[in-house]
Protein backbone atom coordinates (compact mmCIF):
# COMPACT_ATOMS: atom_id res chain seq x y z
CA MET A 1 -25.65 339.08 -121.30
CA ILE A 2 -24.44 336.46 -123.79
CA ALA A 3 -20.73 336.45 -124.62
CA LEU A 4 -19.69 334.56 -127.75
CA LEU A 5 -15.99 333.75 -127.99
CA ASP A 6 -13.90 333.72 -131.17
CA THR A 7 -10.79 331.59 -131.70
CA THR A 8 -8.49 334.46 -130.73
CA ALA A 9 -9.58 334.05 -127.09
CA PHE A 10 -8.07 330.54 -127.11
CA VAL A 11 -5.00 331.47 -129.13
CA ALA A 12 -4.09 333.98 -126.41
CA ASP A 13 -4.68 331.43 -123.63
CA PRO A 14 -5.08 327.83 -124.92
CA LEU A 15 -5.47 326.33 -121.44
CA CYS A 16 -7.96 328.97 -120.20
CA SER A 17 -5.75 329.55 -117.16
CA GLY A 18 -5.23 333.31 -117.29
CA THR A 19 -6.67 335.94 -115.01
CA ALA A 20 -9.60 336.73 -117.32
CA TRP A 21 -10.72 333.09 -117.44
CA ARG A 22 -10.42 332.68 -113.66
CA VAL A 23 -12.48 335.79 -113.00
CA LEU A 24 -15.17 334.69 -115.42
CA ALA A 25 -15.28 331.22 -113.91
CA HIS A 26 -16.08 332.69 -110.47
CA ALA A 27 -18.10 335.76 -111.44
CA ALA A 28 -20.20 334.61 -114.40
CA SER A 29 -23.11 333.64 -112.18
CA THR A 30 -22.86 336.87 -110.14
CA TRP A 31 -22.95 339.01 -113.28
CA ASN A 32 -25.49 336.76 -115.06
CA VAL A 33 -23.21 336.20 -118.03
CA ARG A 34 -23.55 333.22 -120.34
CA LEU A 35 -20.42 332.13 -122.18
CA VAL A 36 -21.07 330.61 -125.60
CA VAL A 37 -18.42 329.02 -127.81
CA PRO A 38 -19.30 328.04 -131.40
CA GLU A 39 -18.31 324.54 -132.45
CA VAL A 40 -16.39 326.07 -135.35
CA VAL A 41 -14.25 327.99 -132.86
CA ILE A 42 -13.44 324.81 -130.93
CA ARG A 43 -12.29 323.09 -134.12
CA GLU A 44 -10.09 326.08 -134.99
CA ALA A 45 -8.66 326.21 -131.46
CA VAL A 46 -7.75 322.51 -131.54
CA ALA A 47 -6.10 322.86 -134.95
CA GLY A 48 -4.15 325.91 -133.78
CA TYR A 49 -2.97 324.13 -130.63
CA ARG A 50 -1.75 321.13 -132.59
CA ARG A 51 0.11 323.35 -135.05
CA ARG A 52 1.92 324.99 -132.16
CA THR A 53 2.81 321.66 -130.57
CA ALA A 54 4.11 320.44 -133.94
CA GLU A 55 6.40 323.48 -134.10
CA ALA A 56 7.54 322.71 -130.55
CA LEU A 57 8.41 319.15 -131.56
CA VAL A 58 10.53 320.38 -134.46
CA GLY A 59 12.48 322.66 -132.14
CA LEU A 60 12.82 319.88 -129.58
CA GLN A 61 14.26 317.51 -132.19
CA ARG A 62 16.84 320.10 -133.22
CA GLN A 63 17.96 320.49 -129.63
CA LYS A 64 18.15 316.73 -129.18
CA ASP A 65 20.29 316.34 -132.31
CA LYS A 66 22.57 319.11 -131.10
CA ASN A 67 22.95 318.31 -127.41
CA GLY A 68 21.20 315.04 -126.60
CA GLY A 69 24.03 312.64 -127.30
CA ALA A 70 26.87 314.89 -126.17
CA LEU A 71 25.24 315.61 -122.81
CA GLY A 72 23.71 312.19 -122.34
CA ILE A 73 20.16 313.54 -122.08
CA SER A 74 18.50 312.00 -125.13
CA ALA A 75 16.11 310.10 -122.88
CA ILE A 76 14.89 313.38 -121.38
CA TYR A 77 14.16 314.73 -124.85
CA ASP A 78 12.31 311.54 -125.74
CA LYS A 79 10.12 311.84 -122.64
CA ALA A 80 9.39 315.49 -123.41
CA ARG A 81 8.43 314.54 -126.95
CA ALA A 82 6.02 311.89 -125.70
CA ASP A 83 4.44 314.38 -123.25
CA ILE A 84 3.95 316.98 -126.00
CA GLU A 85 2.37 314.44 -128.34
CA THR A 86 0.05 313.28 -125.56
CA ALA A 87 -0.98 316.88 -124.78
CA ALA A 88 -1.79 317.47 -128.46
CA LEU A 89 -3.94 314.33 -128.61
CA ARG A 90 -5.78 315.12 -125.38
CA TYR A 91 -6.36 318.82 -126.04
CA PRO A 92 -9.85 318.42 -127.56
CA GLU A 93 -11.08 316.60 -124.46
CA ASP A 94 -9.20 318.94 -122.11
CA LEU A 95 -10.70 322.01 -123.79
CA GLN A 96 -14.21 320.60 -123.59
CA GLU A 97 -13.66 319.88 -119.88
CA LEU A 98 -12.35 323.40 -119.23
CA LEU A 99 -15.39 324.93 -120.90
CA ARG A 100 -17.73 322.73 -118.88
CA GLU A 101 -16.04 323.81 -115.63
CA ILE A 102 -16.70 327.48 -116.31
CA GLY A 103 -20.24 326.75 -117.51
CA ALA A 104 -19.73 327.61 -121.19
CA GLN A 105 -22.27 326.48 -123.80
CA ILE A 106 -21.13 324.84 -127.05
CA LEU A 107 -23.03 326.25 -130.04
CA ALA A 108 -23.61 324.10 -133.12
CA PRO A 109 -22.91 325.62 -136.58
CA PRO A 110 -25.76 327.70 -138.00
CA ALA A 111 -28.13 326.19 -140.53
CA VAL A 112 -27.10 328.30 -143.50
CA GLY A 113 -27.16 327.28 -147.12
CA HIS A 114 -24.05 326.91 -149.24
CA LEU A 115 -25.33 329.36 -151.86
CA GLU A 116 -25.71 332.08 -149.22
CA LEU A 117 -22.09 331.59 -148.18
CA VAL A 118 -21.00 331.62 -151.81
CA GLU A 119 -22.93 334.84 -152.38
CA ARG A 120 -21.21 336.56 -149.46
CA SER A 121 -17.83 335.35 -150.67
CA THR A 122 -18.28 336.50 -154.27
CA GLN A 123 -19.49 339.91 -153.08
CA ARG A 124 -16.48 340.15 -150.73
CA LYS A 125 -18.91 340.89 -147.92
CA LYS A 126 -17.31 341.05 -144.50
CA PRO A 127 -15.99 339.14 -142.72
CA CYS A 128 -14.69 337.80 -146.08
CA ASP A 129 -11.45 339.41 -147.20
CA GLY A 130 -10.55 340.90 -150.56
CA ASN A 131 -9.97 337.43 -152.02
CA GLY A 132 -13.30 336.05 -150.86
CA ASN A 133 -11.73 334.01 -148.03
CA GLY A 134 -13.52 333.89 -144.70
CA TYR A 135 -15.75 330.82 -144.61
CA ARG A 136 -15.31 330.07 -140.89
CA ASP A 137 -15.50 333.73 -139.85
CA THR A 138 -18.75 334.04 -141.79
CA LEU A 139 -20.23 331.03 -139.97
CA ASN A 140 -19.28 332.57 -136.62
CA TRP A 141 -20.80 335.95 -137.53
CA ILE A 142 -24.06 334.32 -138.62
CA SER A 143 -24.08 332.56 -135.22
CA VAL A 144 -23.84 335.97 -133.54
CA LEU A 145 -26.79 337.29 -135.56
CA GLU A 146 -28.94 334.24 -134.90
CA THR A 147 -28.16 334.35 -131.18
CA ALA A 148 -29.28 337.98 -131.06
CA LYS A 149 -32.46 337.21 -133.01
CA GLY A 150 -33.33 334.36 -130.66
CA SER A 151 -32.87 336.32 -127.41
CA SER A 152 -33.63 339.74 -125.96
CA GLU A 153 -30.35 339.81 -124.04
CA ASP A 154 -27.30 341.83 -125.02
CA VAL A 155 -24.83 339.89 -127.15
CA VAL A 156 -21.08 340.50 -127.05
CA TRP A 157 -18.85 339.12 -129.80
CA ILE A 158 -15.29 338.75 -128.44
CA SER A 159 -12.72 338.64 -131.21
CA ASP A 160 -9.31 340.23 -131.74
CA ASN A 161 -9.72 339.85 -135.52
CA SER A 162 -9.98 343.56 -136.29
CA LYS A 163 -8.97 343.01 -139.90
CA ASP A 164 -12.10 341.03 -140.80
CA PHE A 165 -14.66 342.37 -138.31
CA GLY A 166 -13.64 345.98 -137.72
CA ARG A 167 -13.39 349.21 -139.65
CA GLU A 168 -10.09 350.34 -141.08
CA ASP A 169 -9.39 352.47 -138.01
CA GLY A 170 -9.94 349.40 -135.80
CA GLU A 171 -12.80 351.00 -133.87
CA GLY A 172 -16.33 349.64 -134.25
CA LEU A 173 -17.84 346.96 -136.47
CA HIS A 174 -17.29 347.13 -140.21
CA ASP A 175 -20.05 348.90 -142.13
CA ASP A 176 -21.18 345.62 -143.75
CA LEU A 177 -21.67 344.01 -140.35
CA ALA A 178 -23.21 347.09 -138.76
CA ALA A 179 -25.82 347.13 -141.55
CA GLU A 180 -26.74 343.52 -140.78
CA VAL A 181 -27.13 344.38 -137.09
CA THR A 182 -29.50 347.19 -138.03
CA ALA A 183 -31.45 344.88 -140.36
CA ILE A 184 -32.41 342.60 -137.43
CA ASP A 185 -33.21 345.53 -135.09
CA ALA A 186 -30.34 344.66 -132.78
CA GLU A 187 -28.64 348.06 -132.63
CA GLY A 188 -27.37 348.67 -129.11
CA ARG A 189 -27.69 344.99 -128.24
CA ILE A 190 -24.78 343.58 -130.27
CA LYS A 191 -21.38 344.79 -129.15
CA TRP A 192 -17.89 343.88 -130.33
CA LEU A 193 -15.01 343.60 -127.83
CA LYS A 194 -11.48 342.45 -128.59
CA SER A 195 -10.60 340.37 -125.51
CA LEU A 196 -11.97 338.69 -122.42
CA SER A 197 -10.17 341.30 -120.34
CA GLU A 198 -12.20 344.04 -122.01
CA LEU A 199 -15.35 342.08 -121.18
CA ILE A 200 -14.35 341.87 -117.51
CA LEU A 201 -13.67 345.60 -117.30
CA GLU A 202 -16.97 346.30 -119.04
CA LEU A 203 -18.83 344.15 -116.54
CA THR A 204 -17.11 345.55 -113.46
CA SER A 205 -17.84 349.13 -114.50
CA GLU A 206 -21.49 348.51 -115.40
CA ARG A 207 -22.51 345.74 -112.98
CA TRP A 208 -21.16 346.62 -109.57
CA PRO A 209 -21.76 343.97 -106.92
CA GLU A 210 -24.06 345.07 -104.13
CA PHE A 211 -21.48 344.77 -101.36
CA SER A 212 -20.19 348.33 -101.78
CA ASP A 213 -18.37 348.31 -98.43
CA ASP A 214 -15.94 345.76 -99.88
CA LEU A 215 -15.24 348.05 -102.82
CA ARG A 216 -14.32 350.87 -100.46
CA ARG A 217 -11.93 348.57 -98.59
CA ILE A 218 -10.31 347.59 -101.87
CA GLN A 219 -9.87 351.24 -102.84
CA GLU A 220 -8.46 352.18 -99.39
CA ARG A 221 -6.00 349.31 -99.30
CA LEU A 222 -4.74 349.84 -102.79
CA GLN A 223 -1.17 350.99 -102.18
CA SER A 224 0.59 352.30 -105.25
CA ASP A 225 4.04 351.17 -104.14
CA SER A 226 3.12 347.52 -103.62
CA MET A 227 1.10 347.49 -106.82
CA GLU A 228 3.94 349.01 -108.83
CA GLY A 229 6.40 346.50 -107.39
CA TYR A 230 4.09 343.67 -108.40
CA LEU A 231 3.73 345.07 -111.91
CA ASN A 232 7.49 345.40 -112.35
CA LYS A 233 8.37 341.95 -111.04
CA GLU A 234 5.45 339.81 -112.15
CA ILE A 235 3.43 341.43 -114.93
CA LEU A 236 5.79 343.56 -117.01
CA ALA A 237 8.63 341.04 -116.76
CA GLY A 238 6.37 338.53 -118.49
CA CYS A 239 6.21 340.71 -121.61
CA MET A 240 9.69 339.67 -122.78
CA GLU A 241 9.68 338.32 -126.37
CA ARG A 242 6.05 339.42 -126.75
CA ALA A 243 5.05 340.56 -130.25
CA ILE A 244 3.76 344.13 -130.51
CA SER A 245 1.86 346.06 -133.16
CA PRO A 246 4.12 348.44 -135.14
CA ARG A 247 1.11 350.68 -135.77
CA MET A 248 -0.07 350.88 -132.16
CA CYS A 249 3.47 351.35 -130.86
CA GLY A 250 4.36 354.06 -133.38
CA LEU A 251 7.31 352.18 -134.92
CA PRO A 252 8.70 353.06 -138.37
CA ILE A 253 6.09 352.55 -141.09
CA GLN A 254 8.17 349.96 -142.91
CA THR A 255 8.38 347.72 -139.82
CA ARG A 256 7.28 344.21 -140.73
CA SER A 257 7.25 342.82 -137.19
CA ALA A 258 8.57 343.67 -133.74
CA ARG A 259 8.93 342.06 -130.34
CA ILE A 260 9.85 343.31 -126.88
CA MET A 261 13.34 342.50 -125.64
CA ALA A 262 13.50 344.53 -122.40
CA VAL A 263 11.11 346.47 -120.16
CA GLY A 264 12.46 348.99 -117.68
CA ALA A 265 10.94 350.04 -114.37
CA LEU A 266 7.68 351.93 -114.81
CA THR A 267 7.90 355.72 -114.72
CA GLU A 268 4.19 356.50 -114.51
CA SER A 269 1.20 354.48 -113.41
CA THR A 270 -2.51 354.85 -112.82
CA PHE A 271 -4.86 352.42 -111.07
CA SER A 272 -8.61 352.28 -111.05
CA VAL A 273 -10.73 349.89 -109.03
CA ARG A 274 -13.35 348.63 -111.45
CA GLY A 275 -15.29 346.30 -109.17
CA ALA A 276 -15.19 342.98 -107.37
CA SER A 277 -15.87 339.47 -108.52
CA ALA A 278 -16.92 336.53 -106.41
CA GLU A 279 -15.05 335.56 -103.23
CA ASP A 280 -13.92 339.10 -102.40
CA GLU A 281 -11.59 339.30 -105.41
CA GLY A 282 -11.03 342.91 -106.49
CA ILE A 283 -10.54 343.86 -110.14
CA ILE A 284 -8.19 346.77 -110.84
CA GLU A 285 -7.35 348.30 -114.19
CA PHE A 286 -3.84 349.68 -114.57
CA THR A 287 -1.85 351.68 -117.08
CA ALA A 288 1.93 351.79 -116.74
CA VAL A 289 4.42 353.79 -118.80
CA CYS A 290 7.77 352.02 -119.12
CA PRO A 291 10.96 352.54 -121.13
CA THR A 292 10.93 349.63 -123.55
CA THR A 293 13.49 348.15 -125.92
CA ALA A 294 12.22 346.29 -128.97
CA LEU A 295 13.79 344.47 -131.90
CA MET A 296 12.26 345.39 -135.27
CA ASP A 297 12.35 343.56 -138.60
CA LEU A 298 12.62 345.93 -141.58
CA PRO A 299 13.09 345.44 -145.33
CA VAL A 300 16.57 346.01 -146.73
CA THR A 301 15.34 349.21 -148.43
CA ALA A 302 14.27 350.82 -145.15
CA ASP A 303 15.83 354.05 -143.85
CA ILE A 304 17.85 353.01 -140.77
CA ASP A 305 19.66 356.30 -140.14
CA GLY A 306 19.99 356.85 -136.40
CA LEU A 307 18.96 353.27 -135.55
CA GLU A 308 21.16 350.63 -133.92
CA VAL A 309 21.53 347.73 -136.34
CA ASP A 310 21.47 344.22 -134.91
CA ALA A 311 21.85 342.15 -138.09
CA ILE A 312 21.60 342.52 -141.86
CA THR A 313 20.58 339.67 -144.18
CA ASP A 314 19.49 339.35 -147.79
CA ASP A 315 15.88 339.28 -146.61
CA GLY A 316 15.94 342.32 -144.33
CA VAL A 317 17.55 344.12 -141.42
CA THR A 318 16.85 343.90 -137.69
CA VAL A 319 17.37 347.03 -135.63
CA TRP A 320 16.96 348.05 -131.98
CA VAL A 321 14.62 350.80 -130.84
CA SER A 322 13.96 352.20 -127.37
CA LYS A 323 10.95 354.29 -126.43
CA ASP A 324 8.28 354.69 -123.76
CA LEU A 325 5.28 352.40 -124.20
CA HIS A 326 1.97 352.23 -122.36
CA PHE A 327 1.07 348.85 -120.83
CA THR A 328 -2.63 348.44 -119.97
CA GLY A 329 -4.18 345.47 -118.24
CA ILE A 330 -5.98 344.13 -115.20
CA VAL A 331 -4.87 342.93 -111.78
CA THR A 332 -6.92 340.98 -109.28
CA SER A 333 -6.48 341.57 -105.55
CA ASP A 334 -7.54 339.77 -102.41
CA ARG A 335 -9.72 341.22 -99.63
CA TYR A 336 -6.70 343.08 -98.27
CA GLY A 337 -5.93 344.82 -101.53
CA ARG A 338 -2.83 342.72 -102.26
CA PRO A 339 -2.27 341.79 -105.92
CA VAL A 340 -2.93 338.17 -106.67
CA SER A 341 -2.71 337.86 -110.44
CA GLY A 342 -2.74 340.02 -113.52
CA GLU A 343 -1.99 340.33 -117.19
CA VAL A 344 -1.24 342.93 -119.85
CA THR A 345 -4.06 343.32 -122.37
CA ARG A 346 -2.78 346.17 -124.53
CA ILE A 347 0.62 347.67 -125.44
CA SER A 348 0.77 350.96 -127.31
CA ALA A 349 2.59 354.25 -127.64
CA SER A 350 1.20 357.52 -126.35
CA PRO A 351 -1.83 358.74 -128.37
CA ASP A 352 0.14 361.82 -129.46
CA ASP A 353 3.23 359.81 -130.41
CA PRO A 354 4.66 361.08 -133.75
CA GLY A 355 5.02 357.50 -134.97
CA ARG A 356 1.31 356.80 -134.51
CA ASN A 357 0.48 360.02 -136.33
CA ALA A 358 2.65 358.87 -139.24
CA TRP A 359 0.67 355.61 -139.42
CA SER A 360 -2.58 357.60 -139.44
CA ARG A 361 -1.36 359.68 -142.39
CA THR A 362 -0.44 356.49 -144.20
CA SER A 363 -3.98 355.14 -143.74
CA ALA A 364 -5.45 358.43 -144.97
CA SER A 365 -3.39 358.53 -148.18
CA GLY A 366 -4.40 354.99 -149.15
CA PRO A 367 -2.29 352.13 -150.49
CA LEU A 368 -1.02 354.02 -153.58
CA LEU A 369 2.23 355.23 -152.04
CA GLU A 370 2.95 351.90 -150.42
CA SER A 371 2.64 350.12 -153.77
CA LEU A 372 4.90 352.73 -155.41
CA HIS A 373 7.49 352.25 -152.71
CA ALA A 374 7.40 348.48 -152.95
CA ALA A 375 7.70 348.56 -156.75
CA MET A 376 10.39 351.23 -157.13
CA ALA A 377 12.19 351.21 -153.74
CA LEU A 378 11.88 355.01 -153.32
CA ASP A 379 13.96 356.74 -150.70
CA PRO A 380 11.86 356.84 -147.47
CA LYS A 381 12.39 360.60 -147.22
CA ILE A 382 10.91 361.09 -150.70
CA LEU A 383 8.03 358.79 -149.77
CA ALA A 384 7.38 360.80 -146.60
CA SER A 385 7.31 364.10 -148.51
CA PHE A 386 4.80 362.67 -151.02
CA ARG A 387 2.67 361.31 -148.19
CA ASP A 388 2.50 364.72 -146.50
CA ALA A 389 1.61 366.41 -149.78
CA MET A 390 -1.13 363.92 -150.58
CA THR A 391 -2.59 364.16 -147.10
CA ALA A 392 -2.82 367.95 -147.33
CA ASN A 393 -3.99 368.14 -150.95
CA SER A 394 -6.83 365.85 -151.93
CA LYS A 395 -6.74 367.09 -155.55
CA LEU A 396 -3.10 366.04 -155.86
CA ASN A 397 -4.01 362.66 -154.43
CA GLU A 398 -6.77 362.19 -157.00
CA ALA A 399 -4.56 363.41 -159.86
CA LEU A 400 -1.88 360.90 -159.01
CA ARG A 401 -4.41 358.07 -159.03
CA ASN A 402 -5.74 359.06 -162.48
CA SER A 403 -2.47 359.83 -164.27
CA LEU A 404 0.63 358.01 -165.36
CA ILE A 405 4.04 359.10 -164.13
CA ASP A 406 6.82 359.50 -166.68
CA PRO A 407 9.43 356.78 -165.97
CA LYS A 408 12.16 359.35 -166.64
CA ILE A 409 10.86 361.42 -163.73
CA LEU A 410 10.92 358.40 -161.45
CA GLU A 411 14.44 357.57 -162.59
CA ALA A 412 15.55 361.12 -161.87
CA MET A 413 13.99 360.92 -158.41
CA ARG A 414 16.13 357.91 -157.60
CA LYS A 415 19.33 359.87 -158.24
CA PRO A 416 20.89 361.68 -155.28
CA LEU A 417 20.12 365.39 -155.12
CA ILE A 418 23.70 366.25 -154.05
CA ASP A 419 26.79 365.27 -156.07
CA PRO A 420 28.52 362.38 -154.23
CA LYS A 421 31.90 363.96 -155.05
CA LEU A 422 30.85 367.11 -153.21
CA MET A 423 29.77 365.06 -150.23
CA ALA A 424 33.09 363.21 -150.27
CA ALA A 425 35.00 366.52 -150.42
CA MET A 426 33.03 367.85 -147.46
CA ARG A 427 34.03 364.81 -145.44
CA LYS A 428 37.78 365.60 -145.85
CA PRO A 429 39.44 367.47 -142.94
CA LEU A 430 39.89 371.23 -143.42
CA ILE A 431 43.41 371.21 -141.84
CA ASP A 432 46.25 369.18 -143.37
CA PRO A 433 46.91 366.15 -141.13
CA LYS A 434 50.68 366.61 -141.69
CA LEU A 435 50.46 370.10 -140.18
CA MET A 436 48.60 368.73 -137.20
CA ALA A 437 51.24 366.02 -136.80
CA ALA A 438 54.06 368.62 -136.98
CA MET A 439 52.38 370.71 -134.29
CA ARG A 440 52.35 367.70 -132.01
CA LYS A 441 56.21 367.38 -132.18
CA PRO A 442 58.28 369.04 -129.34
CA LEU A 443 59.81 372.48 -130.17
CA ILE A 444 63.18 371.66 -128.40
CA ASP A 445 65.35 368.72 -129.45
CA PRO A 446 65.05 365.99 -126.79
CA LYS A 447 68.82 365.31 -127.13
CA LEU A 448 69.60 368.93 -126.15
CA MET A 449 67.36 368.63 -123.14
CA ALA A 450 69.13 365.42 -122.13
CA ALA A 451 72.57 367.11 -122.49
CA MET A 452 71.44 370.01 -120.31
CA ARG A 453 70.52 367.56 -117.60
CA LYS A 454 74.20 366.26 -117.42
CA PRO A 455 76.63 367.95 -114.85
CA LEU A 456 79.08 370.56 -116.29
CA ILE A 457 82.13 369.25 -114.19
CA ASP A 458 83.37 365.68 -114.53
CA PRO A 459 82.44 363.81 -111.32
CA LYS A 460 85.84 362.07 -111.38
CA LEU A 461 87.62 365.43 -111.19
CA THR A 462 85.46 366.46 -108.27
CA GLU A 463 86.28 363.21 -106.52
CA ALA A 464 90.01 363.77 -106.99
CA ILE A 465 89.81 367.20 -105.39
CA ARG A 466 88.24 365.61 -102.34
CA ILE A 467 91.52 363.53 -101.62
CA PRO A 468 92.95 364.64 -98.17
CA VAL A 469 96.37 366.46 -97.93
CA ALA A 470 97.66 363.79 -95.57
CA GLY A 471 97.56 361.42 -98.46
CA LEU A 472 100.24 363.48 -100.28
CA GLY A 473 102.79 362.85 -97.44
CA ALA A 474 102.31 359.16 -97.75
CA LEU A 475 102.99 359.36 -101.47
CA GLU A 476 106.29 361.27 -100.78
CA GLN A 477 107.50 358.63 -98.31
CA PHE A 478 106.75 355.95 -100.83
CA ARG A 479 108.84 357.76 -103.46
CA ASN A 480 111.89 358.20 -101.10
CA ALA A 481 111.83 354.55 -100.19
CA SER A 482 111.91 353.64 -103.84
CA LEU A 483 114.98 355.86 -104.40
CA LYS A 484 116.86 354.18 -101.51
CA ASN A 485 116.24 350.81 -103.01
CA GLN A 486 117.68 352.01 -106.31
CA ASP A 487 120.91 353.33 -104.60
CA SER A 488 121.44 350.07 -102.75
CA ASP A 489 121.28 348.15 -105.94
CA SER A 490 123.91 350.43 -107.54
CA VAL A 491 126.46 349.94 -104.66
CA ALA A 492 126.08 346.18 -104.83
CA GLU A 493 127.05 346.22 -108.45
CA ASP A 494 130.33 348.24 -107.77
CA GLY A 495 131.77 345.72 -105.24
CA GLY A 496 130.76 343.57 -102.42
CA GLU A 497 133.52 344.70 -100.09
CA GLU A 498 132.75 348.35 -100.37
CA ALA A 499 129.18 347.51 -99.84
CA SER A 500 130.06 345.75 -96.53
CA GLU A 501 132.10 348.59 -95.07
CA GLU A 502 130.74 350.86 -92.53
CA PRO A 503 129.77 354.23 -93.87
CA THR A 504 132.16 357.16 -93.23
CA SER A 505 131.31 360.44 -91.77
CA GLU A 506 131.47 361.96 -95.24
CA ASP A 507 129.03 359.44 -96.46
CA ASP A 508 126.85 360.31 -93.59
CA ASP A 509 127.09 363.97 -94.47
CA SER A 510 126.01 363.29 -98.06
CA SER A 511 123.12 361.10 -97.13
CA PRO A 512 119.67 362.20 -98.21
CA ASP A 513 118.68 362.47 -94.58
CA LYS A 514 121.18 365.21 -94.01
């Protein structure tokens, strides 16, 4: 088998250090697979790497300007900048060395005339796009055809560029390319896969190594709990900030882009031992279902009812969405069945997800409704109703394409179907808020309740009643003594002599004591 690699294989893993590359490096000879990389692809990979390093330098400079001086770490930023620049300069040589280590062959550009390329471009023949662009993709595709013509081996073209090489549904080569395969009698020999991981799984399922006893040991030692723990901690955790396909994940149709912000613990998982590579390394395919939170970028005209808004700008709105997604990939294990490495190769919603069905209906109804929506900013609910009608009625679809729509009708469609005043009236409470407030007040005056809590008899009066009777005798003695003092004072005023005489018996008889 000959495997030709497109640039997307290097965009996904510029340093060829992922699981797929490591497996191929060890198992290519066992499986009799020849890796071929067109020179055009290498040039594209180098240019892409340097663009990414240039973006990294811009971000690094911003951080240095912001924090370098204040934190005293400008020298660290300068060293990092020098390392990044060195990596960008050395990448062509490093990539060539990596390809030599895994035994890849570098393929020179095909000997094709300029007029042939111009002819394909003017005819918009795939892999050229609708504008005639696709010069490098065309060179790579001609390399695939010439490789197949020059060999009796199977040829696999590995490219994730579904837009230019695949059909509209993303499955199988585009009709233009399939016709060229038929023209050179290579049907069944030329196959298109989207990633190196798919190639590995294809090889392990079709080309089992002869040491079958090892495969049985791998299957027996595959413990779901240890594998699930490895997926949660090592594989799924690495999907943070990863971009996902709105179509494959069943996100709202107007989603412009989306990325994963959180992945919960897997709720379902399946594992399948697909084979073994060199050095007793098992290859296991997994599918895990996990609750996932993503951040979506939508246009300002999008329907965001029921969605949690993160930010709104003049350019669009970002909202949060949570749903279960399916993570598919491969894991390698050692001779004891313990996971060694792995990676996610595909993220999608369930095949019966309503969001994916909505995308399918959009593809079936063609670009007409999307252009109408972009031009007139129709309400998404109106757009959805038109889409359903056009999907179910092909005659209506054709009539809309061949007729003009009265602008007055479109203007009327923009108006709300329900009077806003009626909606505002329905939002008002049915019960008068003043009545509700009055019902909350206490029925008995709080002052009356406070008065009822006071004692009916004055505590001072009660205290006076408690005075002992013996105390009254003491008061009487005090009063008599006071009267005596008054009498003595009166006698002193009448005459000192009389006051000094001894009292007579009559006086004694008239004394208060008697």
